[in-house]
Protein backbone atom coordinates (compact mmCIF):
# COMPACT_ATOMS: atom_id res chain seq x y z
CA MET A 1 0.00 0.00 0.00
CA ALA A 2 2.78 2.40 0.91
CA PHE A 3 4.55 1.64 -2.36
CA SER A 4 1.30 2.24 -4.27
CA ARG A 5 0.75 5.65 -2.59
CA HIS A 6 4.38 6.58 -3.28
CA CYS A 7 3.85 5.87 -7.00
CA GLU A 8 0.67 7.94 -7.09
CA GLU A 9 2.38 10.91 -5.40
CA LEU A 10 5.31 10.67 -7.79
CA GLN A 11 3.00 10.61 -10.79
CA ALA A 12 1.05 13.61 -9.48
CA THR A 13 4.29 15.51 -8.95
CA ARG A 14 5.41 14.77 -12.50
CA GLN A 15 2.02 15.89 -13.92
CA SER A 16 2.18 19.08 -11.90
CA ARG A 17 5.70 19.80 -13.15
CA ALA A 18 4.62 19.01 -16.74
CA ALA A 19 1.65 21.36 -16.43
CA ARG A 20 3.84 24.17 -15.03
CA TYR A 21 6.33 23.56 -17.81
CA ALA A 22 3.62 23.71 -20.48
CA LEU A 23 2.21 26.92 -18.94
CA ASP A 24 5.68 28.46 -18.80
CA CYS A 25 6.26 27.53 -22.46
CA PHE A 26 2.89 29.02 -23.50
CA ALA A 27 3.59 32.25 -21.59
CA THR A 28 7.05 32.48 -23.13
CA LEU A 29 5.57 31.94 -26.61
CA ALA A 30 2.87 34.51 -26.06
CA MET A 31 5.38 37.07 -24.81
CA THR A 32 7.60 36.36 -27.78
CA MET A 33 4.67 36.90 -30.19
CA ILE A 34 3.80 40.18 -28.47
CA LEU A 35 7.39 41.34 -28.69
CA LEU A 36 7.79 40.26 -32.30
CA PHE A 37 4.28 41.21 -33.49
CA PRO A 38 3.00 44.14 -31.46
CA ALA A 39 0.05 44.60 -33.85
CA LEU A 40 -1.41 41.34 -32.54
CA ALA A 41 -1.43 42.62 -28.98
CA ALA A 42 -4.37 44.95 -29.61
CA ALA A 43 -7.62 44.58 -31.52
CA GLN A 44 -7.72 46.12 -35.01
CA SER A 45 -9.02 49.70 -34.90
CA VAL A 46 -12.37 50.57 -36.50
CA VAL A 47 -12.79 54.07 -37.94
CA THR A 48 -16.22 55.25 -39.09
CA SER A 49 -16.81 57.85 -41.81
CA ASP A 50 -20.45 58.85 -41.35
CA GLY A 51 -20.82 60.55 -44.75
CA PRO A 52 -19.03 62.13 -47.70
CA ASP A 53 -17.59 65.63 -47.63
CA ALA A 54 -18.24 65.95 -51.37
CA VAL A 55 -20.03 63.70 -53.84
CA GLU A 56 -20.57 63.45 -57.60
CA VAL A 57 -23.42 61.40 -59.10
CA SER A 58 -23.47 60.46 -62.81
CA ILE A 59 -26.72 58.77 -63.84
CA TYR A 60 -26.85 56.37 -66.80
CA ARG A 61 -30.10 55.52 -68.60
CA ASP A 62 -31.76 52.13 -68.74
CA ASN A 63 -31.05 51.05 -72.30
CA SER A 64 -33.61 48.24 -72.12
CA ARG A 65 -36.42 50.82 -72.17
CA GLY A 66 -35.62 51.52 -75.80
CA ASP A 67 -36.01 54.88 -77.47
CA TYR A 68 -39.67 55.38 -76.60
CA GLY A 69 -40.04 53.73 -73.20
CA LYS A 70 -41.01 55.93 -70.30
CA LEU A 71 -39.52 55.96 -66.83
CA ASN A 72 -40.95 53.31 -64.56
CA LEU A 73 -40.49 54.87 -61.13
CA LYS A 74 -41.35 51.59 -59.41
CA TYR A 75 -38.71 49.65 -61.32
CA LEU A 76 -35.70 51.81 -62.20
CA GLN A 77 -33.16 49.79 -64.17
CA GLY A 78 -30.52 52.40 -64.91
CA PHE A 79 -27.47 52.88 -62.72
CA ALA A 80 -25.21 55.59 -61.33
CA LEU A 81 -21.48 56.10 -60.98
CA ILE A 82 -20.95 57.69 -57.57
CA SER A 83 -17.69 59.27 -56.44
CA GLU A 84 -17.38 60.36 -52.81
CA THR A 85 -14.59 62.34 -51.17
CA ARG A 86 -14.14 61.64 -47.45
CA ARG A 87 -11.61 62.84 -44.86
CA VAL A 88 -10.69 60.39 -42.11
CA THR A 89 -8.26 60.28 -39.22
CA LEU A 90 -6.56 56.91 -38.87
CA PRO A 91 -4.46 55.47 -36.02
CA ALA A 92 -1.16 53.83 -36.82
CA GLY A 93 -1.27 50.18 -37.85
CA ALA A 94 -3.95 48.10 -39.53
CA ALA A 95 -7.54 49.35 -39.36
CA THR A 96 -11.06 48.90 -40.68
CA ILE A 97 -12.76 51.91 -42.26
CA ARG A 98 -16.56 51.93 -42.32
CA PHE A 99 -18.01 54.14 -45.06
CA GLU A 100 -21.54 54.87 -43.86
CA GLY A 101 -24.19 56.42 -46.07
CA VAL A 102 -23.21 54.80 -49.38
CA ALA A 103 -25.96 53.98 -51.87
CA SER A 104 -28.09 51.05 -50.74
CA GLY A 105 -27.85 49.65 -54.27
CA ILE A 106 -24.05 49.68 -54.27
CA ASP A 107 -22.24 47.01 -56.27
CA PRO A 108 -19.42 46.16 -53.80
CA ALA A 109 -17.32 44.51 -56.51
CA SER A 110 -17.11 47.83 -58.36
CA ALA A 111 -15.97 49.85 -55.32
CA LEU A 112 -12.57 51.52 -55.66
CA VAL A 113 -10.84 53.36 -52.81
CA THR A 114 -7.94 55.66 -53.67
CA GLY A 115 -5.70 57.52 -51.25
CA ILE A 116 -4.72 54.46 -49.20
CA GLY A 117 -4.01 50.77 -49.70
CA VAL A 118 -7.01 48.45 -49.28
CA GLU A 119 -6.66 44.73 -48.51
CA GLU A 120 -10.32 43.70 -48.26
CA LYS A 121 -13.78 45.23 -48.72
CA ASN A 122 -17.19 44.06 -47.59
CA GLN A 123 -20.69 45.44 -47.82
CA ASP A 124 -22.62 45.50 -44.54
CA ALA A 125 -25.94 44.54 -46.09
CA ARG A 126 -28.01 44.07 -42.92
CA LEU A 127 -29.92 47.33 -42.78
CA LEU A 128 -32.50 48.69 -40.39
CA THR A 129 -35.35 48.42 -42.91
CA GLN A 130 -38.59 46.52 -43.33
CA ARG A 131 -36.67 43.65 -44.82
CA GLY A 132 -34.03 43.66 -42.10
CA LEU A 133 -36.58 43.78 -39.27
CA LEU A 134 -38.77 41.04 -40.73
CA ASP A 135 -35.80 38.78 -41.40
CA HIS A 136 -34.47 39.31 -37.87
CA PHE A 137 -37.80 38.80 -36.08
CA THR A 138 -39.07 35.84 -38.12
CA GLY A 139 -40.14 33.20 -35.59
CA GLN A 140 -40.27 35.75 -32.76
CA ARG A 141 -43.16 37.51 -31.06
CA VAL A 142 -44.11 41.07 -32.00
CA THR A 143 -47.18 43.24 -31.46
CA LEU A 144 -49.84 43.45 -34.17
CA ARG A 145 -51.69 46.77 -33.94
CA ARG A 146 -54.98 47.27 -35.77
CA THR A 147 -57.03 50.42 -36.33
CA ASP A 148 -60.74 50.13 -37.12
CA PRO A 149 -61.40 52.57 -40.02
CA ALA A 150 -65.02 53.00 -38.95
CA THR A 151 -64.48 53.83 -35.28
CA GLY A 152 -60.82 54.80 -35.18
CA GLU A 153 -60.29 52.49 -32.23
CA THR A 154 -56.91 50.77 -31.90
CA SER A 155 -56.34 47.27 -30.58
CA GLU A 156 -53.17 45.25 -30.01
CA GLU A 157 -52.43 41.55 -29.77
CA SER A 158 -49.37 39.33 -29.68
CA ALA A 159 -48.31 37.72 -32.96
CA THR A 160 -45.46 35.60 -34.23
CA ILE A 161 -43.92 36.32 -37.65
CA ARG A 162 -43.92 33.13 -39.69
CA SER A 163 -43.00 34.42 -43.14
CA GLY A 164 -41.97 37.76 -44.50
CA SER A 165 -40.14 37.20 -47.79
CA ASP A 166 -42.96 37.73 -50.30
CA ARG A 167 -46.09 37.49 -48.14
CA LEU A 168 -46.13 38.69 -44.54
CA ILE A 169 -47.71 35.84 -42.55
CA VAL A 170 -48.22 36.08 -38.80
CA GLN A 171 -49.67 33.63 -36.30
CA THR A 172 -52.04 34.79 -33.55
CA VAL A 173 -54.33 33.01 -31.12
CA ALA A 174 -56.95 32.92 -33.87
CA GLY A 175 -54.59 31.23 -36.34
CA PHE A 176 -52.50 32.28 -39.34
CA GLU A 177 -53.12 35.58 -41.08
CA ALA A 178 -51.75 37.38 -44.15
CA VAL A 179 -51.01 40.92 -42.97
CA ALA A 180 -51.84 43.74 -45.43
CA CYS A 181 -54.47 41.60 -47.17
CA THR A 182 -57.46 42.34 -44.92
CA GLY A 183 -58.07 45.94 -45.92
CA LEU A 184 -57.53 47.10 -42.33
CA ASN A 185 -54.90 49.53 -41.10
CA GLN A 186 -52.34 47.14 -39.57
CA THR A 187 -48.93 47.84 -38.09
CA LEU A 188 -46.24 45.60 -36.65
CA VAL A 189 -44.63 46.99 -33.49
CA PHE A 190 -41.20 45.75 -32.39
CA ASP A 191 -39.87 46.07 -28.84
CA ARG A 192 -36.33 46.95 -29.92
CA ALA A 193 -34.04 47.69 -32.82
CA PRO A 194 -31.47 44.88 -33.24
CA GLU A 195 -27.94 46.11 -32.66
CA GLU A 196 -26.60 44.18 -35.65
CA LEU A 197 -28.82 46.11 -38.06
CA SER A 198 -27.19 49.24 -39.45
CA ALA A 199 -29.26 52.39 -39.88
CA LYS A 200 -27.20 53.37 -42.94
CA PRO A 201 -25.95 51.38 -45.93
CA THR A 202 -22.27 50.77 -45.14
CA LEU A 203 -19.18 49.58 -47.00
CA SER A 204 -16.26 48.38 -44.86
CA VAL A 205 -12.65 48.14 -46.04
CA ASN A 206 -9.62 46.69 -44.28
CA ILE A 207 -6.28 48.44 -44.67
CA GLY A 208 -2.83 47.21 -43.75
CA ASN A 209 -0.18 48.79 -41.56
CA GLN A 210 0.21 52.52 -42.15
CA PRO A 211 1.67 55.40 -40.13
CA GLY A 212 -1.70 56.98 -39.31
CA GLY A 213 -2.82 60.59 -39.58
CA GLU A 214 -5.23 62.60 -41.74
CA TYR A 215 -6.22 61.04 -45.08
CA THR A 216 -8.38 62.27 -47.94
CA LEU A 217 -9.94 59.23 -49.58
CA THR A 218 -12.00 58.89 -52.75
CA LEU A 219 -14.61 56.12 -52.86
CA THR A 220 -15.98 55.38 -56.33
CA TYR A 221 -18.59 52.72 -57.09
CA LEU A 222 -21.56 51.74 -59.26
CA ALA A 223 -25.06 51.63 -57.81
CA GLN A 224 -28.34 50.27 -59.16
CA ASN A 225 -31.86 51.72 -59.13
CA PHE A 226 -31.30 55.05 -60.90
CA ASP A 227 -32.50 56.30 -64.28
CA TRP A 228 -33.19 59.43 -66.31
CA GLN A 229 -34.90 60.50 -69.49
CA ALA A 230 -35.41 63.60 -71.59
CA ASN A 231 -38.80 65.30 -71.91
CA TYR A 232 -39.36 67.91 -74.60
CA VAL A 233 -42.09 70.54 -74.67
CA ALA A 234 -42.67 72.14 -78.08
CA GLU A 235 -45.10 74.99 -78.80
CA PHE A 236 -46.09 75.83 -82.37
CA ASN A 237 -46.28 79.36 -83.65
CA GLU A 238 -49.51 80.55 -85.26
CA ASP A 239 -49.01 78.90 -88.67
CA ALA A 240 -47.14 75.84 -87.29
CA SER A 241 -44.01 76.72 -89.26
CA ALA A 242 -41.73 76.81 -86.18
CA ILE A 243 -41.63 75.72 -82.56
CA ASP A 244 -40.30 77.05 -79.29
CA LEU A 245 -38.53 74.08 -77.73
CA LEU A 246 -37.77 73.40 -74.07
CA GLY A 247 -35.96 70.24 -72.98
CA TRP A 248 -36.24 68.86 -69.45
CA MET A 249 -33.97 66.26 -67.90
CA THR A 250 -35.97 64.03 -65.53
CA MET A 251 -33.65 62.19 -63.12
CA ALA A 252 -35.00 59.53 -60.78
CA SER A 253 -33.52 57.72 -57.79
CA GLY A 254 -35.05 54.65 -56.17
CA ASP A 255 -32.20 54.38 -53.68
CA ALA A 256 -32.61 54.66 -49.92
CA THR A 257 -29.70 57.13 -49.60
CA SER A 258 -29.85 60.85 -50.34
CA PHE A 259 -26.83 62.65 -51.75
CA ILE A 260 -26.85 66.25 -50.53
CA ASP A 261 -25.49 69.08 -52.70
CA ALA A 262 -24.08 66.63 -55.23
CA ASN A 263 -22.40 67.50 -58.50
CA THR A 264 -24.88 65.73 -60.76
CA ASN A 265 -24.54 64.55 -64.36
CA ALA A 266 -26.69 62.61 -66.80
CA ILE A 267 -25.01 60.42 -69.41
CA ALA A 268 -26.67 60.00 -72.82
CA GLY A 269 -25.78 57.16 -75.16
CA THR A 270 -25.66 53.38 -75.07
CA VAL A 271 -23.33 51.78 -72.53
CA PHE A 272 -22.94 48.00 -72.57
CA ARG A 273 -22.90 46.53 -69.08
CA ASP A 274 -22.98 42.91 -67.97
CA GLN A 275 -25.84 42.79 -65.50
CA ASN A 276 -24.96 40.86 -62.35
CA TYR A 277 -28.32 40.43 -60.73
CA ALA A 278 -26.73 39.19 -57.51
CA ASN A 279 -25.49 42.74 -56.97
CA THR A 280 -28.72 44.58 -57.74
CA VAL A 281 -30.99 46.13 -55.16
CA PHE A 282 -33.24 43.13 -55.57
CA ALA A 283 -30.52 40.78 -54.27
CA GLU A 284 -31.12 38.74 -51.15
CA GLY A 285 -31.29 40.90 -48.05
CA ARG A 286 -31.89 44.18 -49.87
CA ALA A 287 -35.08 43.58 -51.84
CA PRO A 288 -38.00 45.77 -50.73
CA VAL A 289 -41.00 44.06 -49.16
CA ARG A 290 -43.99 43.85 -51.48
CA TYR A 291 -47.21 42.38 -50.14
CA GLN A 292 -49.16 40.18 -52.54
CA CYS A 293 -52.73 39.11 -51.87
CA TRP A 294 -55.35 36.93 -53.51
CA PRO A 295 -58.31 38.72 -55.11
CA ALA A 296 -60.78 39.97 -52.54
CA GLY A 297 -64.48 40.65 -52.66
CA THR A 298 -65.52 37.66 -54.77
CA THR A 299 -66.42 34.02 -54.26
CA GLY A 300 -67.06 33.40 -57.94
CA ALA A 301 -64.77 32.29 -60.75
CA PHE A 302 -61.15 33.27 -60.38
CA GLN A 303 -60.47 36.25 -62.62
CA GLY A 304 -56.69 36.33 -62.37
CA TYR A 305 -54.32 37.84 -59.89
CA ARG A 306 -54.96 41.25 -58.45
CA TYR A 307 -51.96 42.38 -56.48
CA GLN A 308 -52.31 44.81 -53.64
CA GLN A 309 -49.14 46.58 -52.71
CA ARG A 310 -49.03 48.57 -49.53
CA THR A 311 -46.38 50.05 -47.33
CA TYR A 312 -46.85 49.78 -43.58
CA ALA A 313 -44.74 51.55 -41.02
CA LEU A 314 -42.63 49.23 -38.90
CA ARG A 315 -41.90 50.80 -35.56
CA TYR A 316 -40.06 49.88 -32.41
CA ARG A 317 -40.76 51.41 -29.02
CA GLY A 318 -38.58 54.43 -28.33
CA GLY A 319 -38.13 55.37 -31.98
CA ALA A 320 -39.48 54.86 -35.47
CA VAL A 321 -38.19 52.89 -38.40
CA SER A 322 -40.24 53.72 -41.45
CA PRO A 323 -39.38 52.75 -45.02
CA PRO A 324 -38.96 55.66 -47.41
CA PRO A 325 -42.21 56.80 -49.03
CA PRO A 326 -42.98 55.50 -52.52
CA PRO A 327 -41.80 57.77 -55.32
CA PRO A 328 -44.35 60.39 -56.37
CA PRO A 329 -46.00 60.14 -59.81
CA PRO A 330 -43.96 61.80 -62.56
CA PRO A 331 -44.79 65.48 -62.93
CA ALA A 332 -46.10 66.28 -66.38
CA PRO A 333 -43.53 68.22 -68.40
CA MET A 334 -46.26 70.51 -69.67
CA ALA A 335 -47.00 71.55 -66.08
CA MET A 336 -43.41 72.73 -65.78
CA GLU A 337 -43.79 74.64 -69.04
CA MET A 338 -47.00 76.26 -67.86
CA ALA A 339 -45.20 77.91 -64.94
CA ALA A 340 -44.73 81.66 -64.91
CA ALA A 341 -42.58 82.88 -67.77
CA ASP A 342 -39.98 84.47 -65.51
CA SER A 343 -39.48 81.24 -63.51
CA VAL A 344 -38.97 79.28 -66.73
CA MET A 345 -36.37 81.78 -67.84
CA VAL A 346 -34.49 81.50 -64.55
CA THR A 347 -34.44 77.71 -64.82
CA ALA A 348 -33.35 77.86 -68.44
CA GLN A 349 -30.50 80.25 -67.65
CA ARG A 350 -29.10 77.67 -65.21
CA ARG A 351 -29.74 74.68 -67.42
CA ALA A 352 -27.57 71.59 -67.66
CA GLU A 353 -24.49 71.99 -69.84
CA GLN A 354 -23.61 69.44 -72.51
CA GLU A 355 -20.07 68.01 -72.79
CA ASP A 356 -18.48 65.25 -74.86
CA LEU A 357 -17.56 61.98 -73.16
CA GLY A 358 -16.10 59.92 -75.97
CA ASP A 359 -19.06 58.75 -78.04
CA LEU A 360 -21.36 59.58 -75.15
CA LYS A 361 -22.78 62.94 -74.13
CA LEU A 362 -22.56 64.24 -70.57
CA TYR A 363 -25.09 66.78 -69.32
CA ARG A 364 -23.68 68.55 -66.27
CA ILE A 365 -25.91 70.46 -63.89
CA PRO A 366 -23.87 73.65 -63.23
CA PHE A 367 -24.97 74.03 -59.62
CA PRO A 368 -25.05 71.63 -56.64
CA THR A 369 -28.28 69.71 -56.36
CA THR A 370 -29.62 67.09 -53.98
CA VAL A 371 -30.31 63.65 -55.41
CA ALA A 372 -32.89 62.71 -52.80
CA ALA A 373 -33.84 59.15 -51.87
CA ASN A 374 -36.87 57.76 -53.70
CA SER A 375 -37.48 60.93 -55.67
CA GLN A 376 -37.19 62.55 -59.05
CA LYS A 377 -35.95 65.92 -60.21
CA GLN A 378 -36.39 67.92 -63.41
CA VAL A 379 -33.72 70.27 -64.72
CA ALA A 380 -33.85 72.23 -67.99
CA PHE A 381 -31.04 71.37 -70.41
CA LEU A 382 -32.23 72.79 -73.75
CA ARG A 383 -34.06 75.94 -74.77
CA LYS A 384 -34.45 77.06 -78.39
CA GLN A 385 -36.70 79.71 -79.88
CA ALA A 386 -38.38 79.68 -83.30
CA VAL A 387 -36.89 76.42 -84.59
CA PRO A 388 -38.18 76.11 -88.17
CA GLY A 389 -39.96 72.99 -89.33
CA GLU A 390 -43.04 71.86 -91.18
CA ILE A 391 -46.09 69.67 -90.73
CA VAL A 392 -46.32 67.04 -93.47
CA TYR A 393 -49.18 64.62 -94.17
CA MET A 394 -47.60 61.24 -94.85
CA LEU A 395 -49.13 58.36 -96.84
CA GLU A 396 -47.53 54.94 -97.49
CA ILE A 397 -48.69 52.96 -100.54
CA PHE A 398 -47.84 49.33 -101.29
CA PRO A 399 -48.54 47.34 -104.49
CA ARG A 400 -50.77 44.82 -102.72
CA TYR A 401 -51.96 47.10 -99.93
CA SER A 402 -53.00 50.71 -100.14
CA GLY A 403 -51.93 51.43 -96.57
CA GLY A 404 -53.91 53.20 -93.88
CA GLY A 405 -54.87 56.84 -93.65
CA LEU A 406 -52.61 59.85 -93.72
CA ASP A 407 -50.52 60.67 -90.67
CA ARG A 408 -49.38 64.11 -89.59
CA ILE A 409 -45.69 64.46 -88.76
CA PHE A 410 -43.53 67.40 -87.75
CA ARG A 411 -40.16 67.48 -89.48
CA MET A 412 -37.16 69.63 -88.54
CA GLN A 413 -33.41 69.57 -89.14
CA ASN A 414 -31.03 69.29 -86.21
CA LYS A 415 -28.63 71.86 -87.64
CA ARG A 416 -27.21 75.02 -86.14
CA GLU A 417 -28.20 77.05 -89.20
CA GLU A 418 -31.76 75.79 -88.69
CA GLY A 419 -31.86 77.10 -85.12
CA LEU A 420 -31.10 73.81 -83.36
CA GLY A 421 -27.80 71.94 -83.81
CA GLU A 422 -27.63 70.20 -80.40
CA PRO A 423 -27.15 66.53 -79.42
CA MET A 424 -30.65 65.47 -78.39
CA PRO A 425 -31.01 62.40 -76.14
CA SER A 426 -33.97 60.10 -76.64
CA GLY A 427 -37.15 61.03 -74.84
CA GLN A 428 -40.78 62.05 -75.06
CA PHE A 429 -42.11 65.02 -77.07
CA ALA A 430 -45.31 66.91 -76.26
CA PHE A 431 -46.58 69.43 -78.85
CA PHE A 432 -48.85 72.36 -77.97
CA GLN A 433 -50.51 75.16 -79.89
CA GLN A 434 -52.57 78.19 -78.89
CA ALA A 435 -56.28 77.93 -79.72
CA LEU A 436 -58.97 80.29 -78.46
CA GLY A 437 -56.45 81.81 -76.09
CA LEU A 438 -55.56 78.45 -74.50
CA ARG A 439 -52.63 76.13 -74.96
CA GLN A 440 -53.91 72.85 -76.41
CA LEU A 441 -52.13 69.49 -76.74
CA VAL A 442 -51.86 68.55 -80.42
CA GLY A 443 -49.64 65.48 -80.33
CA GLU A 444 -47.14 63.30 -78.46
CA ASP A 445 -44.36 61.03 -79.68
CA GLY A 446 -41.06 59.50 -78.63
CA MET A 447 -37.69 60.22 -80.21
CA SER A 448 -34.47 58.20 -80.41
CA ASP A 449 -31.06 59.78 -79.83
CA LYS A 450 -30.38 62.41 -82.48
CA ALA A 451 -26.94 63.70 -83.37
CA VAL A 452 -26.20 67.11 -84.83
CA GLY A 453 -27.08 67.15 -88.53
CA GLU A 454 -29.79 64.49 -88.39
CA GLU A 455 -33.36 64.95 -89.55
CA ILE A 456 -36.03 64.63 -86.86
CA GLU A 457 -39.54 63.38 -87.61
CA LEU A 458 -42.17 63.21 -84.89
CA ALA A 459 -45.73 61.93 -85.24
CA LEU A 460 -48.63 64.21 -84.32
CA GLY A 461 -51.47 61.78 -85.00
CA GLY A 462 -53.92 60.89 -87.74
CA ALA A 463 -55.46 63.25 -90.28
CA ASP A 464 -59.25 63.34 -90.26
CA ASN A 465 -59.72 66.20 -92.74
CA VAL A 466 -57.23 64.95 -95.33
CA THR A 467 -58.22 61.72 -97.10
CA HIS A 468 -57.08 59.68 -100.08
CA GLU A 469 -58.51 57.30 -102.64
CA ILE A 470 -56.79 54.92 -105.09
CA GLU A 471 -58.72 54.05 -108.23
CA THR A 472 -57.62 51.33 -110.68
CA SER A 473 -58.14 52.21 -114.33
CA PRO A 474 -59.50 49.73 -116.87
CA LYS A 475 -56.47 50.60 -118.98
CA THR A 476 -53.97 47.77 -118.56
CA GLY A 477 -50.98 46.30 -120.36
CA LYS A 478 -49.25 42.95 -120.51
CA ASN A 479 -47.79 43.27 -116.99
CA TRP A 480 -49.07 46.62 -115.73
CA GLN A 481 -52.19 48.44 -114.73
CA ALA A 482 -52.93 52.15 -114.37
CA GLN A 483 -53.96 53.71 -111.09
CA THR A 484 -54.96 57.18 -109.91
CA LEU A 485 -54.28 58.52 -106.41
CA THR A 486 -56.56 61.34 -105.27
CA ILE A 487 -55.84 63.45 -102.18
CA ARG A 488 -58.70 65.60 -100.78
CA ASN A 489 -58.17 68.42 -98.28
CA ALA A 490 -61.18 69.53 -96.22
CA ASN A 491 -59.13 72.00 -94.14
CA ALA A 492 -59.48 75.75 -94.40
CA GLU A 493 -55.75 76.01 -95.19
CA PRO A 494 -53.45 74.26 -97.68
CA VAL A 495 -51.52 71.19 -96.58
CA THR A 496 -48.30 69.53 -97.72
CA ILE A 497 -48.53 65.82 -98.46
CA GLU A 498 -45.89 63.22 -99.21
CA ALA A 499 -46.98 59.90 -100.69
CA GLU A 500 -44.35 57.13 -100.44
CA PHE A 501 -44.60 54.31 -102.99
CA GLN A 502 -42.96 51.14 -101.69
CA ASN A 503 -41.51 48.97 -104.47
CA GLU A 504 -41.43 45.22 -103.91
CA THR A 505 -39.49 42.37 -105.51
CA ASP A 506 -42.10 41.60 -108.17
CA PHE A 507 -43.94 44.93 -108.25
CA THR A 508 -42.69 48.41 -109.08
CA TYR A 509 -44.23 51.84 -109.60
CA ARG A 510 -43.40 53.71 -112.80
CA LYS A 511 -44.68 56.25 -115.33
CA PHE A 512 -45.62 58.91 -112.76
CA LYS A 513 -47.40 61.85 -114.36
CA ARG A 514 -46.00 64.31 -111.82
CA ARG A 515 -42.52 64.97 -110.52
CA THR A 516 -41.25 62.51 -107.90
CA PHE A 517 -37.95 61.80 -106.14
CA GLU A 518 -36.26 58.83 -104.47
CA ARG A 519 -35.80 58.56 -100.68
CA ASP A 520 -34.65 55.47 -98.77
CA GLY A 521 -35.51 53.19 -101.69
CA LYS A 522 -39.01 54.63 -102.08
CA THR A 523 -40.53 56.84 -104.74
CA VAL A 524 -41.97 59.97 -103.11
CA TRP A 525 -44.56 62.35 -104.51
CA ARG A 526 -44.60 65.66 -102.65
CA THR A 527 -47.22 68.30 -103.37
CA THR A 528 -49.43 70.94 -101.79
CA VAL A 529 -53.18 70.44 -101.68
CA PRO A 530 -55.08 73.75 -101.58
CA ALA A 531 -57.75 74.40 -98.96
CA ASN A 532 -61.03 72.58 -99.67
CA ASP A 533 -59.59 71.14 -102.86
CA GLU A 534 -58.08 67.96 -104.24
CA VAL A 535 -55.14 66.84 -106.39
CA GLU A 536 -54.51 63.59 -108.23
CA LEU A 537 -51.58 61.56 -109.48
CA ARG A 538 -51.66 58.95 -112.25
CA TYR A 539 -49.08 56.17 -112.47
CA ARG A 540 -48.62 52.51 -113.39
CA VAL A 541 -48.03 49.44 -111.27
CA TYR A 542 -45.80 46.84 -112.97
CA GLY A 543 -46.03 43.25 -111.85
CA PRO A 544 -44.30 39.98 -112.86
CA ASP A 545 -43.82 39.50 -116.59
CA ASP A 546 -45.67 36.26 -117.35
CA GLY A 547 -44.06 36.06 -120.71
């Protein structure tokens, strides 16, 4: 027994010595690492830049809209190039810089920081928004507050969020319920704001060892959910031989971040860009919440989906977290034009200035402007007086089809000697003319990008008082037949018409009895039809020679 206890004591002594030896070795190693690598002895510093000192926003159009597509404020598919200047004070050594207040639609892969070396960058995508709150509290209890629209009385009950990705489903004592689909005023109330949710979109970058001090950094990146388009307001003079032209630049932002007093540009032209949908504002964690409901008010046959989209404030006690309001409807360009004459002149004097950017055109707003979150802004960029042009009644004629009625178009030349001569980005035209002392709308059309020197044709609508008739003569030949085109003008003033004859592979128009000319492979007859009168043109249609 004594020998056994002696062995146990000896073993315990050896284990104790081994433990002290291991501890001494670990302490020695730790001290050595601290001495050799002092940067490891302290946690890496975090420096926060809460906003830019200066910012420039260049907005690129959504090319998928085409030349005639209008802005869809609920689904902006253009993008912006944003360049921010920020001043930061850094401690010596490695550090993390948090750039708060970047665009919520930032593409992190495009971010470039100049002024210091960057080792790593990461977007902090968990924001204090509807989406962030619903994702965080899914499976947890919240308060469901209801307001009776008839009585105004408010009631509250406990609810558990079960789903919030596409349809907000909560569970109460009564069962499961789709919030925002009942027609009642409903609000979710949260007891706190999670600390891990950031109130501002943030981009973090890690930098290596540096001496520290004051740094001026430039952060440049691409961001989704922006767009712009041109709107033109044209007013005819009394005889419709010229127009006064005012061009508005409508810029829209669907981003959650506002850029205060920004140097703002709009870029015209086609820019190819590989769309990476994982980096758009509709990517996971940043998509806005849209409530979708089944059709209500019917128990009959299903008539198709009817989506109800509503925005409900999400609040937590002690503060409010409300999503930004939906963008307002686009203001009509004509409303801007109908403002007082002096205010239009002031806006026009400070209009956007056009510059060349390679094959693109850059329109620079010459004064600081705020690109507000979920908003749009109109700035004048073109103003021309008495631009000459003409209204022409167009008619297309085909060998096997006489075409429809005549269409009125307005034609002008984009030349400096013709009073214009400016690069004109694609957009919408609205034409007005004074009648009975009031400005009346006489036509609308869309226009593609027009360079200096190009001809511009814009449709004004159909022609009710100018008609045509094609009569086939009994006089025929081996492979031709004679026809007569008659144009009748019921207007109180003369009109200019242009009839375009479209030749086909087996059919051609020849033997015109009046002067014609060729344009874009078509034979064109241009003439003036006097008021309350008619003119006619005889010609032959030649078909296949059967031998």
